[in-house]
Amino acid sequence: MSDSASRIPTVDLRPWLSGDPEARAHAARTVDAALRTAGFLLVTGHGVDPALRAAIRESARGFFHLPAEAKRAYAVKVGGRGWLGPGAEANSYAEGTAAPPDLKESLSFAADDPTGDEAVDAEWFTPNTWPRETPGLRDLVETYLRRMRSLSDRLLELLGAALGEEEDFFTRHTGHPTWGFNINWYPGRERVGEPAPGQFRIGPHTDFGTVTVLDRQAGRGGLQVFTEEGGWEDAPFDPAAFTVNIGDLMERWTGGRWQSGRHRVLPPPADAPAEELMSLVYFYECDPGTDVRGLDSHTYLRGQLDAITVEAGNE
């Protein structure tokens, strides 16, 4: 077993969901240990059809390969619903590090089920934008998002037990949560050119919310995770597993017991310049107005989203 695999264990959800007390206790102990170290897990037994994930990638690839002028009609800033084009985002700014923009494009979606509070809905629950050029994408993504919402709540129940609390310790705050979903496209060097010094597909950062559920592809220019023990290491990969990490709100919620998983995505490699990868990234959060140890959850989230937006002051 590699060092990174030992720090990022695989957790099969089926024994946890079975209700067997011994299996559930073992899963909780494994999760607690991993989140104290790397903030990452691999999760199997989740029941999400791989064919659905493949179909989303195929449909989204049709959008990303459109001419730039066609995609530009859907352009938004970070936190919006639409297309984040080249140069729109620099994740390293979230940890205060100046760096060139990330070498990716994204189709970005977010929570769109209104609460009835006009001010909250105007900021956090606006309608999603669905590209006309890929008419099949909406049904695929909405099906996937329902599975992600359910899976994220199951994960939060496991995290509640791992923390030694009631299983609803976190999910009592996800009755009407915000979430974000990015389809991240990482093209090869023929599109993005030679990476600048310090430029990544996604720069070093931690996520901002509670749990992130990532469906990724293996690649030379892929995901790396940072730990104090091992520094930067390639994240272990299992095509059947989701890669799950916790974000800043969860670290704060646990009083620092668990570590928000610091990570980056390497630039397109020189020895495989045409490598093209696509990730499906679901960022789960909590209900607007949730108090996380004295911090308003969504004031924090808005500040971090603004921080990684590439504008005149962030270049």
C-alpha atoms as a PDB file:
ATOM      1  CA  MET A   1       0.000   0.000   0.000  1.00  0.00           C
ATOM      2  CA  SER A   2       1.337   3.439  -0.901  1.00  0.00           C
ATOM      3  CA  ASP A   3       1.746   6.084   1.774  1.00  0.00           C
ATOM      4  CA  SER A   4      -1.029   8.201   0.223  1.00  0.00           C
ATOM      5  CA  ALA A   5      -3.374   5.192   0.180  1.00  0.00           C
ATOM      6  CA  SER A   6      -2.687   4.546   3.859  1.00  0.00           C
ATOM      7  CA  ARG A   7      -3.597   8.147   4.647  1.00  0.00           C
ATOM      8  CA  ILE A   8      -6.636   8.094   2.356  1.00  0.00           C
ATOM      9  CA  PRO A   9      -8.482   4.839   3.096  1.00  0.00           C
ATOM     10  CA  THR A  10     -11.376   3.319   1.191  1.00  0.00           C
ATOM     11  CA  VAL A  11     -14.675   3.145   3.045  1.00  0.00           C
ATOM     12  CA  ASP A  12     -17.391   0.811   1.752  1.00  0.00           C
ATOM     13  CA  LEU A  13     -20.751   2.371   2.612  1.00  0.00           C
ATOM     14  CA  ARG A  14     -22.668  -0.900   2.393  1.00  0.00           C
ATOM     15  CA  PRO A  15     -21.668  -2.204   5.858  1.00  0.00           C
ATOM     16  CA  TRP A  16     -22.434   1.226   7.321  1.00  0.00           C
ATOM     17  CA  LEU A  17     -25.871   1.294   5.703  1.00  0.00           C
ATOM     18  CA  SER A  18     -26.582  -2.310   6.719  1.00  0.00           C
ATOM     19  CA  GLY A  19     -27.146  -1.290  10.334  1.00  0.00           C
ATOM     20  CA  ASP A  20     -24.675  -3.801  11.790  1.00  0.00           C
ATOM     21  CA  PRO A  21     -23.296  -2.134  14.943  1.00  0.00           C
ATOM     22  CA  GLU A  22     -19.775  -3.552  14.650  1.00  0.00           C
ATOM     23  CA  ALA A  23     -19.473  -2.604  10.959  1.00  0.00           C
ATOM     24  CA  ARG A  24     -20.799   0.870  11.627  1.00  0.00           C
ATOM     25  CA  ALA A  25     -18.370   1.406  14.489  1.00  0.00           C
ATOM     26  CA  HIS A  26     -15.446   0.287  12.318  1.00  0.00           C
ATOM     27  CA  ALA A  27     -16.488   2.682   9.524  1.00  0.00           C
ATOM     28  CA  ALA A  28     -16.774   5.557  11.982  1.00  0.00           C
ATOM     29  CA  ARG A  29     -13.288   4.895  13.393  1.00  0.00           C
ATOM     30  CA  THR A  30     -11.780   4.717   9.892  1.00  0.00           C
ATOM     31  CA  VAL A  31     -13.409   8.000   8.882  1.00  0.00           C
ATOM     32  CA  ASP A  32     -12.296   9.776  12.041  1.00  0.00           C
ATOM     33  CA  ALA A  33      -8.672   8.735  11.559  1.00  0.00           C
ATOM     34  CA  ALA A  34      -8.591   9.733   7.877  1.00  0.00           C
ATOM     35  CA  LEU A  35     -10.163  13.132   8.426  1.00  0.00           C
ATOM     36  CA  ARG A  36      -7.664  13.921  11.174  1.00  0.00           C
ATOM     37  CA  THR A  37      -4.819  13.343   8.693  1.00  0.00           C
ATOM     38  CA  ALA A  38      -5.625  14.184   5.074  1.00  0.00           C
ATOM     39  CA  GLY A  39      -9.264  15.221   5.069  1.00  0.00           C
ATOM     40  CA  PHE A  40      -9.898  12.726   2.237  1.00  0.00           C
ATOM     41  CA  LEU A  41     -11.572   9.336   1.761  1.00  0.00           C
ATOM     42  CA  LEU A  42     -12.378   7.012  -1.108  1.00  0.00           C
ATOM     43  CA  VAL A  43     -15.986   5.830  -0.878  1.00  0.00           C
ATOM     44  CA  THR A  44     -17.383   2.705  -2.531  1.00  0.00           C
ATOM     45  CA  GLY A  45     -20.769   1.045  -2.152  1.00  0.00           C
ATOM     46  CA  HIS A  46     -22.501   4.330  -3.013  1.00  0.00           C
ATOM     47  CA  GLY A  47     -24.826   2.853  -5.631  1.00  0.00           C
ATOM     48  CA  VAL A  48     -24.416   5.592  -8.244  1.00  0.00           C
ATOM     49  CA  ASP A  49     -24.472   4.096 -11.743  1.00  0.00           C
ATOM     50  CA  PRO A  50     -21.148   4.568 -13.586  1.00  0.00           C
ATOM     51  CA  ALA A  51     -23.097   4.774 -16.851  1.00  0.00           C
ATOM     52  CA  LEU A  52     -24.766   7.972 -15.604  1.00  0.00           C
ATOM     53  CA  ARG A  53     -21.402   9.545 -14.874  1.00  0.00           C
ATOM     54  CA  ALA A  54     -20.098   8.524 -18.303  1.00  0.00           C
ATOM     55  CA  ALA A  55     -23.162   9.954 -20.035  1.00  0.00           C
ATOM     56  CA  ILE A  56     -22.734  13.315 -18.289  1.00  0.00           C
ATOM     57  CA  ARG A  57     -19.118  13.465 -19.436  1.00  0.00           C
ATOM     58  CA  GLU A  58     -20.039  12.619 -23.007  1.00  0.00           C
ATOM     59  CA  SER A  59     -22.754  15.280 -23.150  1.00  0.00           C
ATOM     60  CA  ALA A  60     -20.614  17.926 -21.444  1.00  0.00           C
ATOM     61  CA  ARG A  61     -17.701  17.194 -23.771  1.00  0.00           C
ATOM     62  CA  GLY A  62     -19.933  18.240 -26.642  1.00  0.00           C
ATOM     63  CA  PHE A  63     -20.364  21.626 -24.978  1.00  0.00           C
ATOM     64  CA  PHE A  64     -16.719  22.157 -24.108  1.00  0.00           C
ATOM     65  CA  HIS A  65     -15.652  21.421 -27.691  1.00  0.00           C
ATOM     66  CA  LEU A  66     -17.955  24.116 -29.092  1.00  0.00           C
ATOM     67  CA  PRO A  67     -16.356  27.260 -30.529  1.00  0.00           C
ATOM     68  CA  ALA A  68     -15.508  29.850 -27.885  1.00  0.00           C
ATOM     69  CA  GLU A  69     -18.102  32.297 -29.215  1.00  0.00           C
ATOM     70  CA  ALA A  70     -20.887  29.745 -28.685  1.00  0.00           C
ATOM     71  CA  LYS A  71     -19.785  29.080 -25.084  1.00  0.00           C
ATOM     72  CA  ARG A  72     -19.365  32.775 -24.350  1.00  0.00           C
ATOM     73  CA  ALA A  73     -23.150  33.214 -24.398  1.00  0.00           C
ATOM     74  CA  TYR A  74     -23.229  31.269 -21.113  1.00  0.00           C
ATOM     75  CA  ALA A  75     -20.275  32.984 -19.423  1.00  0.00           C
ATOM     76  CA  VAL A  76     -20.592  33.783 -15.701  1.00  0.00           C
ATOM     77  CA  LYS A  77     -18.320  34.615 -12.779  1.00  0.00           C
ATOM     78  CA  VAL A  78     -17.485  32.155 -10.020  1.00  0.00           C
ATOM     79  CA  GLY A  79     -20.641  31.397  -8.048  1.00  0.00           C
ATOM     80  CA  GLY A  80     -22.882  31.896 -11.083  1.00  0.00           C
ATOM     81  CA  ARG A  81     -24.774  29.327 -13.114  1.00  0.00           C
ATOM     82  CA  GLY A  82     -23.211  28.798 -16.513  1.00  0.00           C
ATOM     83  CA  TRP A  83     -19.793  28.595 -18.156  1.00  0.00           C
ATOM     84  CA  LEU A  84     -16.574  29.496 -16.383  1.00  0.00           C
ATOM     85  CA  GLY A  85     -14.185  30.016 -19.243  1.00  0.00           C
ATOM     86  CA  PRO A  86     -10.379  30.018 -19.354  1.00  0.00           C
ATOM     87  CA  GLY A  87      -8.898  32.439 -16.856  1.00  0.00           C
ATOM     88  CA  ALA A  88     -12.083  32.836 -14.786  1.00  0.00           C
ATOM     89  CA  GLU A  89     -10.840  31.235 -11.588  1.00  0.00           C
ATOM     90  CA  ALA A  90      -7.683  31.018  -9.484  1.00  0.00           C
ATOM     91  CA  ASN A  91      -8.260  28.720  -6.502  1.00  0.00           C
ATOM     92  CA  SER A  92      -4.939  29.496  -4.842  1.00  0.00           C
ATOM     93  CA  TYR A  93      -6.291  32.934  -3.924  1.00  0.00           C
ATOM     94  CA  ALA A  94      -8.555  31.193  -1.396  1.00  0.00           C
ATOM     95  CA  GLU A  95      -5.471  30.559   0.741  1.00  0.00           C
ATOM     96  CA  GLY A  96      -3.936  33.947  -0.006  1.00  0.00           C
ATOM     97  CA  THR A  97      -1.425  32.843  -2.646  1.00  0.00           C
ATOM     98  CA  ALA A  98      -1.164  34.834  -5.877  1.00  0.00           C
ATOM     99  CA  ALA A  99      -0.890  32.579  -8.933  1.00  0.00           C
ATOM    100  CA  PRO A 100      -1.895  32.490 -12.600  1.00  0.00           C
ATOM    101  CA  PRO A 101      -5.500  31.463 -13.365  1.00  0.00           C
ATOM    102  CA  ASP A 102      -6.438  27.794 -13.293  1.00  0.00           C
ATOM    103  CA  LEU A 103      -6.097  25.829 -16.547  1.00  0.00           C
ATOM    104  CA  LYS A 104      -9.662  24.607 -16.824  1.00  0.00           C
ATOM    105  CA  GLU A 105     -13.164  25.363 -17.977  1.00  0.00           C
ATOM    106  CA  SER A 106     -16.315  24.526 -16.020  1.00  0.00           C
ATOM    107  CA  LEU A 107     -20.024  24.168 -16.434  1.00  0.00           C
ATOM    108  CA  SER A 108     -21.301  25.380 -13.079  1.00  0.00           C
ATOM    109  CA  PHE A 109     -24.665  24.666 -11.453  1.00  0.00           C
ATOM    110  CA  ALA A 110     -26.017  25.295  -7.957  1.00  0.00           C
ATOM    111  CA  ALA A 111     -29.037  24.960  -5.689  1.00  0.00           C
ATOM    112  CA  ASP A 112     -32.166  26.254  -7.428  1.00  0.00           C
ATOM    113  CA  ASP A 113     -35.096  25.251  -5.195  1.00  0.00           C
ATOM    114  CA  PRO A 114     -36.365  28.533  -3.681  1.00  0.00           C
ATOM    115  CA  THR A 115     -36.911  28.856   0.063  1.00  0.00           C
ATOM    116  CA  GLY A 116     -39.502  31.637  -0.171  1.00  0.00           C
ATOM    117  CA  ASP A 117     -37.167  34.167   1.446  1.00  0.00           C
ATOM    118  CA  GLU A 118     -36.620  36.658  -1.365  1.00  0.00           C
ATOM    119  CA  ALA A 119     -33.236  37.902  -0.178  1.00  0.00           C
ATOM    120  CA  VAL A 120     -31.859  34.394   0.396  1.00  0.00           C
ATOM    121  CA  ASP A 121     -33.258  33.108  -2.884  1.00  0.00           C
ATOM    122  CA  ALA A 122     -31.833  36.011  -4.887  1.00  0.00           C
ATOM    123  CA  GLU A 123     -28.343  35.185  -3.677  1.00  0.00           C
ATOM    124  CA  TRP A 124     -28.323  31.404  -3.293  1.00  0.00           C
ATOM    125  CA  PHE A 125     -31.281  29.770  -5.083  1.00  0.00           C
ATOM    126  CA  THR A 126     -31.506  31.236  -8.586  1.00  0.00           C
ATOM    127  CA  PRO A 127     -32.397  29.130 -11.669  1.00  0.00           C
ATOM    128  CA  ASN A 128     -29.711  27.130 -13.414  1.00  0.00           C
ATOM    129  CA  THR A 129     -28.732  27.732 -17.029  1.00  0.00           C
ATOM    130  CA  TRP A 130     -28.830  24.773 -19.399  1.00  0.00           C
ATOM    131  CA  PRO A 131     -26.964  25.057 -22.724  1.00  0.00           C
ATOM    132  CA  ARG A 132     -29.276  24.706 -25.732  1.00  0.00           C
ATOM    133  CA  GLU A 133     -26.527  22.983 -27.660  1.00  0.00           C
ATOM    134  CA  THR A 134     -26.557  19.943 -25.332  1.00  0.00           C
ATOM    135  CA  PRO A 135     -30.281  19.255 -24.760  1.00  0.00           C
ATOM    136  CA  GLY A 136     -29.708  15.903 -23.069  1.00  0.00           C
ATOM    137  CA  LEU A 137     -27.450  17.304 -20.348  1.00  0.00           C
ATOM    138  CA  ARG A 138     -30.183  18.655 -18.068  1.00  0.00           C
ATOM    139  CA  ASP A 139     -31.940  15.353 -17.364  1.00  0.00           C
ATOM    140  CA  LEU A 140     -28.631  13.597 -16.778  1.00  0.00           C
ATOM    141  CA  VAL A 141     -27.319  16.242 -14.399  1.00  0.00           C
ATOM    142  CA  GLU A 142     -30.564  16.601 -12.465  1.00  0.00           C
ATOM    143  CA  THR A 143     -30.680  12.841 -11.943  1.00  0.00           C
ATOM    144  CA  TYR A 144     -27.081  12.893 -10.750  1.00  0.00           C
ATOM    145  CA  LEU A 145     -27.713  15.829  -8.427  1.00  0.00           C
ATOM    146  CA  ARG A 146     -30.538  13.992  -6.683  1.00  0.00           C
ATOM    147  CA  ARG A 147     -28.169  11.106  -6.046  1.00  0.00           C
ATOM    148  CA  MET A 148     -25.471  13.467  -4.781  1.00  0.00           C
ATOM    149  CA  ARG A 149     -27.828  15.184  -2.333  1.00  0.00           C
ATOM    150  CA  SER A 150     -28.886  11.838  -0.869  1.00  0.00           C
ATOM    151  CA  LEU A 151     -25.334  10.503  -0.760  1.00  0.00           C
ATOM    152  CA  SER A 152     -24.022  13.655   0.903  1.00  0.00           C
ATOM    153  CA  ASP A 153     -26.580  13.385   3.686  1.00  0.00           C
ATOM    154  CA  ARG A 154     -25.640   9.727   4.219  1.00  0.00           C
ATOM    155  CA  LEU A 155     -22.007  10.791   4.439  1.00  0.00           C
ATOM    156  CA  LEU A 156     -22.863  13.522   6.947  1.00  0.00           C
ATOM    157  CA  GLU A 157     -24.669  10.938   9.074  1.00  0.00           C
ATOM    158  CA  LEU A 158     -21.526   8.812   9.039  1.00  0.00           C
ATOM    159  CA  LEU A 159     -19.485  11.879   9.957  1.00  0.00           C
ATOM    160  CA  GLY A 160     -21.829  12.616  12.849  1.00  0.00           C
ATOM    161  CA  ALA A 161     -21.208   9.138  14.241  1.00  0.00           C
ATOM    162  CA  ALA A 162     -17.456   9.429  13.584  1.00  0.00           C
ATOM    163  CA  LEU A 163     -17.422  12.602  15.648  1.00  0.00           C
ATOM    164  CA  GLY A 164     -19.139  10.778  18.518  1.00  0.00           C
ATOM    165  CA  GLU A 165     -22.383  12.707  18.083  1.00  0.00           C
ATOM    166  CA  GLU A 166     -25.908  11.804  17.022  1.00  0.00           C
ATOM    167  CA  GLU A 167     -26.190  10.865  13.349  1.00  0.00           C
ATOM    168  CA  ASP A 168     -28.260  13.969  12.620  1.00  0.00           C
ATOM    169  CA  PHE A 169     -25.669  16.284  14.188  1.00  0.00           C
ATOM    170  CA  PHE A 170     -24.944  17.756  10.739  1.00  0.00           C
ATOM    171  CA  THR A 171     -28.039  16.802   8.742  1.00  0.00           C
ATOM    172  CA  ARG A 172     -30.322  18.755  11.060  1.00  0.00           C
ATOM    173  CA  HIS A 173     -28.752  21.729   9.241  1.00  0.00           C
ATOM    174  CA  THR A 174     -29.335  20.421   5.697  1.00  0.00           C
ATOM    175  CA  GLY A 175     -33.099  20.698   5.419  1.00  0.00           C
ATOM    176  CA  HIS A 176     -32.797  23.228   2.573  1.00  0.00           C
ATOM    177  CA  PRO A 177     -29.071  23.451   1.891  1.00  0.00           C
ATOM    178  CA  THR A 178     -27.016  25.198  -0.719  1.00  0.00           C
ATOM    179  CA  TRP A 179     -24.731  23.189  -2.940  1.00  0.00           C
ATOM    180  CA  GLY A 180     -22.652  23.691  -6.049  1.00  0.00           C
ATOM    181  CA  PHE A 181     -21.851  21.348  -8.897  1.00  0.00           C
ATOM    182  CA  ASN A 182     -19.047  21.823 -11.405  1.00  0.00           C
ATOM    183  CA  ILE A 183     -18.263  19.779 -14.467  1.00  0.00           C
ATOM    184  CA  ASN A 184     -14.569  20.622 -14.741  1.00  0.00           C
ATOM    185  CA  TRP A 185     -12.864  20.162 -18.095  1.00  0.00           C
ATOM    186  CA  TYR A 186      -9.088  19.978 -18.152  1.00  0.00           C
ATOM    187  CA  PRO A 187      -7.940  20.206 -21.787  1.00  0.00           C
ATOM    188  CA  GLY A 188      -4.459  19.446 -23.061  1.00  0.00           C
ATOM    189  CA  ARG A 189      -1.633  21.798 -23.901  1.00  0.00           C
ATOM    190  CA  GLU A 190      -2.813  22.236 -27.484  1.00  0.00           C
ATOM    191  CA  ARG A 191      -5.619  24.370 -26.048  1.00  0.00           C
ATOM    192  CA  VAL A 192      -4.131  25.924 -22.911  1.00  0.00           C
ATOM    193  CA  GLY A 193      -0.531  26.307 -24.062  1.00  0.00           C
ATOM    194  CA  GLU A 194       2.571  25.976 -21.913  1.00  0.00           C
ATOM    195  CA  PRO A 195       1.711  26.364 -18.217  1.00  0.00           C
ATOM    196  CA  ALA A 196       3.180  29.466 -16.609  1.00  0.00           C
ATOM    197  CA  PRO A 197       5.350  29.043 -13.509  1.00  0.00           C
ATOM    198  CA  GLY A 198       3.099  28.148 -10.586  1.00  0.00           C
ATOM    199  CA  GLN A 199       0.090  27.465 -12.841  1.00  0.00           C
ATOM    200  CA  PHE A 200      -2.107  24.392 -12.293  1.00  0.00           C
ATOM    201  CA  ARG A 201      -5.286  22.940 -13.647  1.00  0.00           C
ATOM    202  CA  ILE A 202      -6.534  23.893 -10.176  1.00  0.00           C
ATOM    203  CA  GLY A 203      -4.204  25.676  -7.780  1.00  0.00           C
ATOM    204  CA  PRO A 204      -3.606  24.565  -4.175  1.00  0.00           C
ATOM    205  CA  HIS A 205      -6.619  25.201  -1.945  1.00  0.00           C
ATOM    206  CA  THR A 206      -9.111  23.735   0.467  1.00  0.00           C
ATOM    207  CA  ASP A 207     -12.818  23.509  -0.325  1.00  0.00           C
ATOM    208  CA  PHE A 208     -15.198  25.771   1.522  1.00  0.00           C
ATOM    209  CA  GLY A 209     -18.237  23.733   2.583  1.00  0.00           C
ATOM    210  CA  THR A 210     -19.014  20.525   4.465  1.00  0.00           C
ATOM    211  CA  VAL A 211     -18.287  17.582   2.148  1.00  0.00           C
ATOM    212  CA  THR A 212     -17.207  17.444  -1.488  1.00  0.00           C
ATOM    213  CA  VAL A 213     -18.032  14.375  -3.592  1.00  0.00           C
ATOM    214  CA  LEU A 214     -15.711  14.025  -6.582  1.00  0.00           C
ATOM    215  CA  ASP A 215     -15.978  11.663  -9.530  1.00  0.00           C
ATOM    216  CA  ARG A 216     -12.600  11.885 -11.242  1.00  0.00           C
ATOM    217  CA  GLN A 217     -10.521  10.309 -13.959  1.00  0.00           C
ATOM    218  CA  ALA A 218      -6.978   9.054 -13.569  1.00  0.00           C
ATOM    219  CA  GLY A 219      -4.311  11.100 -15.273  1.00  0.00           C
ATOM    220  CA  ARG A 220      -0.720  12.246 -15.118  1.00  0.00           C
ATOM    221  CA  GLY A 221      -1.984  15.778 -14.597  1.00  0.00           C
ATOM    222  CA  GLY A 222      -4.405  14.700 -11.881  1.00  0.00           C
ATOM    223  CA  LEU A 223      -5.319  15.204  -8.232  1.00  0.00           C
ATOM    224  CA  GLN A 224      -2.709  15.599  -5.525  1.00  0.00           C
ATOM    225  CA  VAL A 225      -3.382  15.814  -1.784  1.00  0.00           C
ATOM    226  CA  PHE A 226      -1.196  17.537   0.816  1.00  0.00           C
ATOM    227  CA  THR A 227      -0.470  16.192   4.292  1.00  0.00           C
ATOM    228  CA  GLU A 228       2.085  17.287   6.858  1.00  0.00           C
ATOM    229  CA  GLU A 229       3.525  13.767   6.860  1.00  0.00           C
ATOM    230  CA  GLY A 230       3.867  13.240   3.124  1.00  0.00           C
ATOM    231  CA  GLY A 231       3.754  16.660   1.489  1.00  0.00           C
ATOM    232  CA  TRP A 232       2.162  16.596  -1.970  1.00  0.00           C
ATOM    233  CA  GLU A 233       1.248  13.080  -3.121  1.00  0.00           C
ATOM    234  CA  ASP A 234      -0.870  11.671  -5.935  1.00  0.00           C
ATOM    235  CA  ALA A 235      -4.301  10.779  -4.579  1.00  0.00           C
ATOM    236  CA  PRO A 236      -5.109   7.058  -4.781  1.00  0.00           C
ATOM    237  CA  PHE A 237      -7.576   6.220  -7.539  1.00  0.00           C
ATOM    238  CA  ASP A 238     -10.326   3.625  -7.855  1.00  0.00           C
ATOM    239  CA  PRO A 239     -12.720   3.995 -10.815  1.00  0.00           C
ATOM    240  CA  ALA A 240     -15.531   2.517  -8.709  1.00  0.00           C
ATOM    241  CA  ALA A 241     -15.037   5.000  -5.879  1.00  0.00           C
ATOM    242  CA  PHE A 242     -15.898   8.604  -5.241  1.00  0.00           C
ATOM    243  CA  THR A 243     -13.161  10.749  -3.767  1.00  0.00           C
ATOM    244  CA  VAL A 244     -14.636  12.560  -0.766  1.00  0.00           C
ATOM    245  CA  ASN A 245     -13.067  15.407   1.169  1.00  0.00           C
ATOM    246  CA  ILE A 246     -14.210  17.803   3.844  1.00  0.00           C
ATOM    247  CA  GLY A 247     -14.120  21.569   3.558  1.00  0.00           C
ATOM    248  CA  ASP A 248     -13.475  24.558   5.767  1.00  0.00           C
ATOM    249  CA  LEU A 249     -16.926  24.670   7.368  1.00  0.00           C
ATOM    250  CA  MET A 250     -16.574  21.059   8.487  1.00  0.00           C
ATOM    251  CA  GLU A 251     -13.113  21.696   9.922  1.00  0.00           C
ATOM    252  CA  ARG A 252     -14.489  24.614  11.918  1.00  0.00           C
ATOM    253  CA  TRP A 253     -17.592  22.644  12.950  1.00  0.00           C
ATOM    254  CA  THR A 254     -15.339  20.001  14.527  1.00  0.00           C
ATOM    255  CA  GLY A 255     -13.157  22.549  16.286  1.00  0.00           C
ATOM    256  CA  GLY A 256     -10.199  21.570  14.104  1.00  0.00           C
ATOM    257  CA  ARG A 257     -10.392  17.870  14.985  1.00  0.00           C
ATOM    258  CA  TRP A 258     -10.669  17.147  11.248  1.00  0.00           C
ATOM    259  CA  GLN A 259      -8.568  18.816   8.570  1.00  0.00           C
ATOM    260  CA  SER A 260     -10.033  20.515   5.534  1.00  0.00           C
ATOM    261  CA  GLY A 261      -8.397  18.579   2.700  1.00  0.00           C
ATOM    262  CA  ARG A 262      -5.771  20.665   0.908  1.00  0.00           C
ATOM    263  CA  HIS A 263      -5.371  19.639  -2.720  1.00  0.00           C
ATOM    264  CA  ARG A 264      -4.453  20.698  -6.259  1.00  0.00           C
ATOM    265  CA  VAL A 265      -4.761  19.390  -9.814  1.00  0.00           C
ATOM    266  CA  LEU A 266      -1.500  19.222 -11.730  1.00  0.00           C
ATOM    267  CA  PRO A 267      -1.078  21.014 -15.093  1.00  0.00           C
ATOM    268  CA  PRO A 268      -1.188  19.063 -18.363  1.00  0.00           C
ATOM    269  CA  PRO A 269       2.004  16.978 -18.297  1.00  0.00           C
ATOM    270  CA  ALA A 270       4.789  17.665 -20.782  1.00  0.00           C
ATOM    271  CA  ASP A 271       5.117  13.949 -21.564  1.00  0.00           C
ATOM    272  CA  ALA A 272       1.360  13.598 -22.245  1.00  0.00           C
ATOM    273  CA  PRO A 273       0.485  17.059 -23.604  1.00  0.00           C
ATOM    274  CA  ALA A 274      -2.815  15.992 -25.169  1.00  0.00           C
ATOM    275  CA  GLU A 275      -4.197  14.528 -21.919  1.00  0.00           C
ATOM    276  CA  GLU A 276      -7.816  15.585 -21.419  1.00  0.00           C
ATOM    277  CA  LEU A 277      -9.643  14.903 -18.159  1.00  0.00           C
ATOM    278  CA  MET A 278     -13.092  15.717 -16.821  1.00  0.00           C
ATOM    279  CA  SER A 279     -14.266  15.750 -13.200  1.00  0.00           C
ATOM    280  CA  LEU A 280     -17.753  15.905 -11.689  1.00  0.00           C
ATOM    281  CA  VAL A 281     -17.514  17.869  -8.447  1.00  0.00           C
ATOM    282  CA  TYR A 282     -20.397  18.225  -5.982  1.00  0.00           C
ATOM    283  CA  PHE A 283     -19.852  20.753  -3.206  1.00  0.00           C
ATOM    284  CA  TYR A 284     -22.288  20.257  -0.320  1.00  0.00           C
ATOM    285  CA  GLU A 285     -22.876  23.000   2.190  1.00  0.00           C
ATOM    286  CA  CYS A 286     -25.699  23.596   4.702  1.00  0.00           C
ATOM    287  CA  ASP A 287     -28.788  25.720   5.247  1.00  0.00           C
ATOM    288  CA  PRO A 288     -28.262  29.466   4.785  1.00  0.00           C
ATOM    289  CA  GLY A 289     -27.816  31.196   8.114  1.00  0.00           C
ATOM    290  CA  THR A 290     -26.309  28.167   9.855  1.00  0.00           C
ATOM    291  CA  ASP A 291     -24.089  29.223  12.741  1.00  0.00           C
ATOM    292  CA  VAL A 292     -20.860  27.230  12.639  1.00  0.00           C
ATOM    293  CA  ARG A 293     -19.141  27.947  15.949  1.00  0.00           C
ATOM    294  CA  GLY A 294     -19.895  31.653  15.753  1.00  0.00           C
ATOM    295  CA  LEU A 295     -19.345  31.980  11.994  1.00  0.00           C
ATOM    296  CA  ASP A 296     -22.216  32.619   9.585  1.00  0.00           C
ATOM    297  CA  SER A 297     -21.770  29.807   7.062  1.00  0.00           C
ATOM    298  CA  HIS A 298     -22.835  31.717   3.986  1.00  0.00           C
ATOM    299  CA  THR A 299     -21.001  34.931   4.750  1.00  0.00           C
ATOM    300  CA  TYR A 300     -17.891  32.762   4.740  1.00  0.00           C
ATOM    301  CA  LEU A 301     -18.872  30.936   1.547  1.00  0.00           C
ATOM    302  CA  ARG A 302     -19.541  34.171  -0.324  1.00  0.00           C
ATOM    303  CA  GLY A 303     -16.208  35.604   0.744  1.00  0.00           C
ATOM    304  CA  GLN A 304     -14.314  32.550  -0.503  1.00  0.00           C
ATOM    305  CA  LEU A 305     -16.151  32.460  -3.830  1.00  0.00           C
ATOM    306  CA  ASP A 306     -15.311  36.115  -4.338  1.00  0.00           C
ATOM    307  CA  ALA A 307     -11.682  35.465  -3.415  1.00  0.00           C
ATOM    308  CA  ILE A 308     -11.078  32.946  -6.207  1.00  0.00           C
ATOM    309  CA  THR A 309     -12.759  35.046  -8.901  1.00  0.00           C
ATOM    310  CA  VAL A 310     -10.196  36.393 -11.334  1.00  0.00           C
ATOM    311  CA  GLU A 311     -10.815  40.112 -11.751  1.00  0.00           C
ATOM    312  CA  ALA A 312      -8.578  43.127 -12.230  1.00  0.00           C
ATOM    313  CA  GLY A 313      -7.362  42.899  -8.618  1.00  0.00           C
ATOM    314  CA  ASN A 314      -6.669  39.161  -8.745  1.00  0.00           C
ATOM    315  CA  GLU A 315      -4.347  38.986 -11.729  1.00  0.00           C
END
